[in-house]
Amino acid sequence: AIIIDEVTNSVRVTKSGVKVDLSSIAKGYAVDKASELLMKNGVSRALIDGGGDIRVIDGKKDNEYWYIGVRDPFGKGLRKIVKIKDKSVATSGIYERFLDAQRRVTHIIDGLTGRPVDTTMSATVITDYAIDADALATAVLILGENGIDLIEEKKLGEAYIILRDGKEVMTAGFDAYVVS
């Protein structure tokens, strides 16, 4: 079990050998903190990219957007281009980093099965904050089509996945962000 003590601002894991890995939110957290610092210092228009976890702050006109590419996990090009304004985008995928490069075993492990994720190649999530997009992109990557359902049901943002067979699945509202 994980015990969170809000009085002492501490977290404790009670089971020996269990570790908590916060890497699925670290970049998003850093991007949000950088965004807050920029806004605090008068910056009203910026794109902050923390290695693929992106947040756009934009005080400009309503019809001006920032355009972000979503990579094709099967090739070198882009699968989609999305337009955002005052939003965050994060993509999690299993096509770049591997635990075992020879066998192409991905670094993202499904906590329920203990096995590497292998059915969803890429998950892109659009939310207000980068920390949420970062965490949800990893979760949706692991959950696959069930992750799309979760995003829709809980109204957490918009999401788009590319499955190993090339099939694309997205939330009902994701298409509103797609340019091409």
Protein backbone atom coordinates (compact mmCIF):
# COMPACT_ATOMS: atom_id res chain seq x y z
CA ALA A 1 0.00 0.00 0.00
CA ILE A 2 1.00 3.61 -0.50
CA ILE A 3 0.45 5.92 2.47
CA ILE A 4 0.23 9.65 1.81
CA ASP A 5 0.70 11.87 4.86
CA GLU A 6 -0.45 15.40 4.05
CA VAL A 7 0.65 16.71 7.45
CA THR A 8 4.30 15.80 6.90
CA ASN A 9 4.16 16.03 3.08
CA SER A 10 5.48 12.51 2.79
CA VAL A 11 4.71 9.32 0.93
CA ARG A 12 5.55 5.86 2.21
CA VAL A 13 5.34 2.48 0.51
CA THR A 14 4.57 -0.33 2.95
CA LYS A 15 5.49 -3.30 0.77
CA SER A 16 9.16 -4.20 0.58
CA GLY A 17 10.66 -3.94 -2.91
CA VAL A 18 7.92 -1.67 -4.27
CA LYS A 19 8.98 1.64 -5.79
CA VAL A 20 6.98 4.61 -7.00
CA ASP A 21 8.15 6.02 -10.35
CA LEU A 22 6.99 9.56 -11.11
CA SER A 23 8.76 9.79 -14.46
CA SER A 24 5.45 9.79 -16.32
CA ILE A 25 4.67 13.25 -14.92
CA ALA A 26 8.14 14.77 -14.42
CA LYS A 27 8.49 16.51 -17.79
CA GLY A 28 4.91 17.78 -17.69
CA TYR A 29 5.45 19.15 -14.19
CA ALA A 30 8.62 20.95 -15.29
CA VAL A 31 6.88 22.41 -18.35
CA ASP A 32 4.02 23.73 -16.20
CA LYS A 33 6.46 25.27 -13.70
CA ALA A 34 8.37 26.95 -16.56
CA SER A 35 5.07 28.22 -17.99
CA GLU A 36 4.05 29.67 -14.61
CA LEU A 37 7.42 31.41 -14.29
CA LEU A 38 7.12 32.93 -17.76
CA MET A 39 3.58 34.17 -17.12
CA LYS A 40 4.59 35.57 -13.72
CA ASN A 41 7.27 37.59 -15.52
CA GLY A 42 4.92 39.06 -18.10
CA VAL A 43 5.30 36.62 -20.98
CA SER A 44 1.90 36.22 -22.61
CA ARG A 45 2.79 34.10 -25.65
CA ALA A 46 5.13 31.11 -25.63
CA LEU A 47 5.53 27.47 -26.51
CA ILE A 48 7.36 25.48 -23.85
CA ASP A 49 8.66 22.10 -25.04
CA GLY A 50 10.01 19.71 -22.43
CA GLY A 51 11.15 16.98 -24.78
CA GLY A 52 7.78 16.35 -26.37
CA ASP A 53 5.58 17.50 -23.51
CA ILE A 54 4.35 20.86 -24.73
CA ARG A 55 2.40 23.71 -23.21
CA VAL A 56 1.27 26.78 -25.10
CA ILE A 57 0.47 30.02 -23.34
CA ASP A 58 -1.11 32.50 -25.65
CA GLY A 59 -2.72 35.87 -25.02
CA LYS A 60 -3.08 36.65 -28.72
CA LYS A 61 -6.14 36.80 -30.95
CA ASP A 62 -8.69 33.98 -30.91
CA ASN A 63 -7.89 32.76 -34.42
CA GLU A 64 -4.13 32.32 -33.91
CA TYR A 65 -2.91 28.84 -33.01
CA TRP A 66 0.31 26.94 -32.49
CA TYR A 67 0.75 23.86 -34.69
CA ILE A 68 2.16 20.66 -33.22
CA GLY A 69 3.10 17.54 -35.17
CA VAL A 70 2.18 14.04 -34.01
CA ARG A 71 4.81 11.59 -35.24
CA ASP A 72 4.00 8.50 -37.23
CA PRO A 73 5.33 5.60 -35.11
CA PHE A 74 5.83 3.52 -38.25
CA GLY A 75 7.86 6.05 -40.23
CA LYS A 76 9.78 9.29 -40.10
CA GLY A 77 6.95 11.67 -40.95
CA LEU A 78 3.95 13.07 -39.15
CA ARG A 79 0.64 11.26 -38.71
CA LYS A 80 -1.33 14.37 -37.73
CA ILE A 81 -0.88 18.07 -37.07
CA VAL A 82 -2.91 19.58 -34.25
CA LYS A 83 -3.59 23.24 -33.52
CA ILE A 84 -3.69 24.42 -29.93
CA LYS A 85 -4.07 27.63 -27.97
CA ASP A 86 -3.67 27.81 -24.17
CA LYS A 87 -3.43 24.01 -24.02
CA SER A 88 -0.88 21.25 -23.49
CA VAL A 89 -0.03 18.25 -25.65
CA ALA A 90 1.94 15.15 -24.74
CA THR A 91 2.65 11.97 -26.66
CA SER A 92 3.80 8.69 -25.19
CA GLY A 93 4.98 5.90 -27.45
CA ILE A 94 6.72 2.57 -27.65
CA TYR A 95 8.66 3.19 -30.85
CA GLU A 96 11.79 4.99 -29.58
CA ARG A 97 13.02 3.70 -26.19
CA PHE A 98 13.55 0.04 -25.39
CA LEU A 99 14.64 -2.03 -22.38
CA ASP A 100 16.15 -4.52 -24.82
CA ALA A 101 16.96 -2.94 -28.20
CA GLN A 102 17.71 -6.31 -29.82
CA ARG A 103 14.21 -7.64 -29.13
CA ARG A 104 12.59 -4.16 -29.17
CA VAL A 105 11.05 -4.61 -25.70
CA THR A 106 9.49 -1.29 -24.73
CA HIS A 107 10.31 0.63 -21.56
CA ILE A 108 6.64 1.13 -20.62
CA ILE A 109 5.24 -1.68 -18.49
CA ASP A 110 1.57 -2.45 -17.89
CA GLY A 111 1.22 -2.51 -14.10
CA LEU A 112 -1.63 -5.02 -14.23
CA THR A 113 0.12 -7.62 -16.36
CA GLY A 114 3.76 -6.83 -15.56
CA ARG A 115 4.46 -7.04 -19.30
CA PRO A 116 5.71 -4.39 -21.72
CA VAL A 117 3.03 -2.48 -23.62
CA ASP A 118 2.81 -3.83 -27.16
CA THR A 119 -0.60 -3.10 -28.67
CA THR A 120 -0.70 0.72 -28.66
CA MET A 121 2.19 2.35 -30.51
CA SER A 122 1.43 5.96 -29.63
CA ALA A 123 -0.95 7.97 -27.45
CA THR A 124 -1.38 11.75 -27.71
CA VAL A 125 -3.40 13.71 -25.16
CA ILE A 126 -4.50 17.36 -25.14
CA THR A 127 -5.35 18.96 -21.78
CA ASP A 128 -5.05 22.34 -20.07
CA TYR A 129 -1.88 21.44 -18.15
CA ALA A 130 1.24 19.57 -19.27
CA ILE A 131 1.44 17.46 -16.11
CA ASP A 132 -2.01 16.05 -16.88
CA ALA A 133 -1.26 15.50 -20.57
CA ASP A 134 2.02 13.77 -19.65
CA ALA A 135 0.45 11.38 -17.12
CA LEU A 136 -2.63 10.69 -19.23
CA ALA A 137 -0.61 9.99 -22.39
CA THR A 138 1.23 7.22 -20.55
CA ALA A 139 -1.99 5.87 -19.04
CA VAL A 140 -3.80 5.90 -22.39
CA LEU A 141 -0.82 4.21 -24.05
CA ILE A 142 -1.09 1.37 -21.52
CA LEU A 143 -4.91 1.15 -21.60
CA GLY A 144 -5.28 1.49 -25.38
CA GLU A 145 -8.87 1.85 -26.55
CA ASN A 146 -10.05 1.58 -22.94
CA GLY A 147 -7.96 4.68 -22.27
CA ILE A 148 -9.87 6.58 -24.95
CA ASP A 149 -13.10 5.53 -23.22
CA LEU A 150 -11.74 6.68 -19.85
CA ILE A 151 -10.76 10.11 -21.20
CA GLU A 152 -14.24 10.52 -22.71
CA GLU A 153 -16.13 9.22 -19.68
CA LYS A 154 -14.23 11.37 -17.17
CA LYS A 155 -13.95 14.39 -19.52
CA LEU A 156 -10.21 14.59 -18.92
CA GLY A 157 -9.27 16.16 -22.26
CA GLU A 158 -8.91 14.77 -25.76
CA ALA A 159 -6.88 11.77 -26.87
CA TYR A 160 -5.67 9.98 -29.99
CA ILE A 161 -4.00 6.57 -30.26
CA ILE A 162 -2.32 4.61 -33.01
CA LEU A 163 -2.49 0.84 -32.56
CA ARG A 164 0.11 -1.70 -33.70
CA ASP A 165 -2.07 -2.63 -36.69
CA GLY A 166 -2.14 1.05 -37.77
CA LYS A 167 -5.72 1.67 -36.66
CA GLU A 168 -6.37 5.14 -35.25
CA VAL A 169 -8.83 5.79 -32.42
CA MET A 170 -9.65 9.17 -30.92
CA THR A 171 -12.03 10.87 -28.55
CA ALA A 172 -15.00 12.63 -30.12
CA GLY A 173 -13.48 16.08 -29.57
CA PHE A 174 -9.91 15.37 -30.74
CA ASP A 175 -10.75 15.95 -34.39
CA ALA A 176 -11.55 19.62 -33.63
CA TYR A 177 -7.80 20.12 -33.00
CA VAL A 178 -6.65 18.30 -36.14
CA VAL A 179 -5.41 20.39 -39.06
CA SER A 180 -4.19 17.48 -41.20
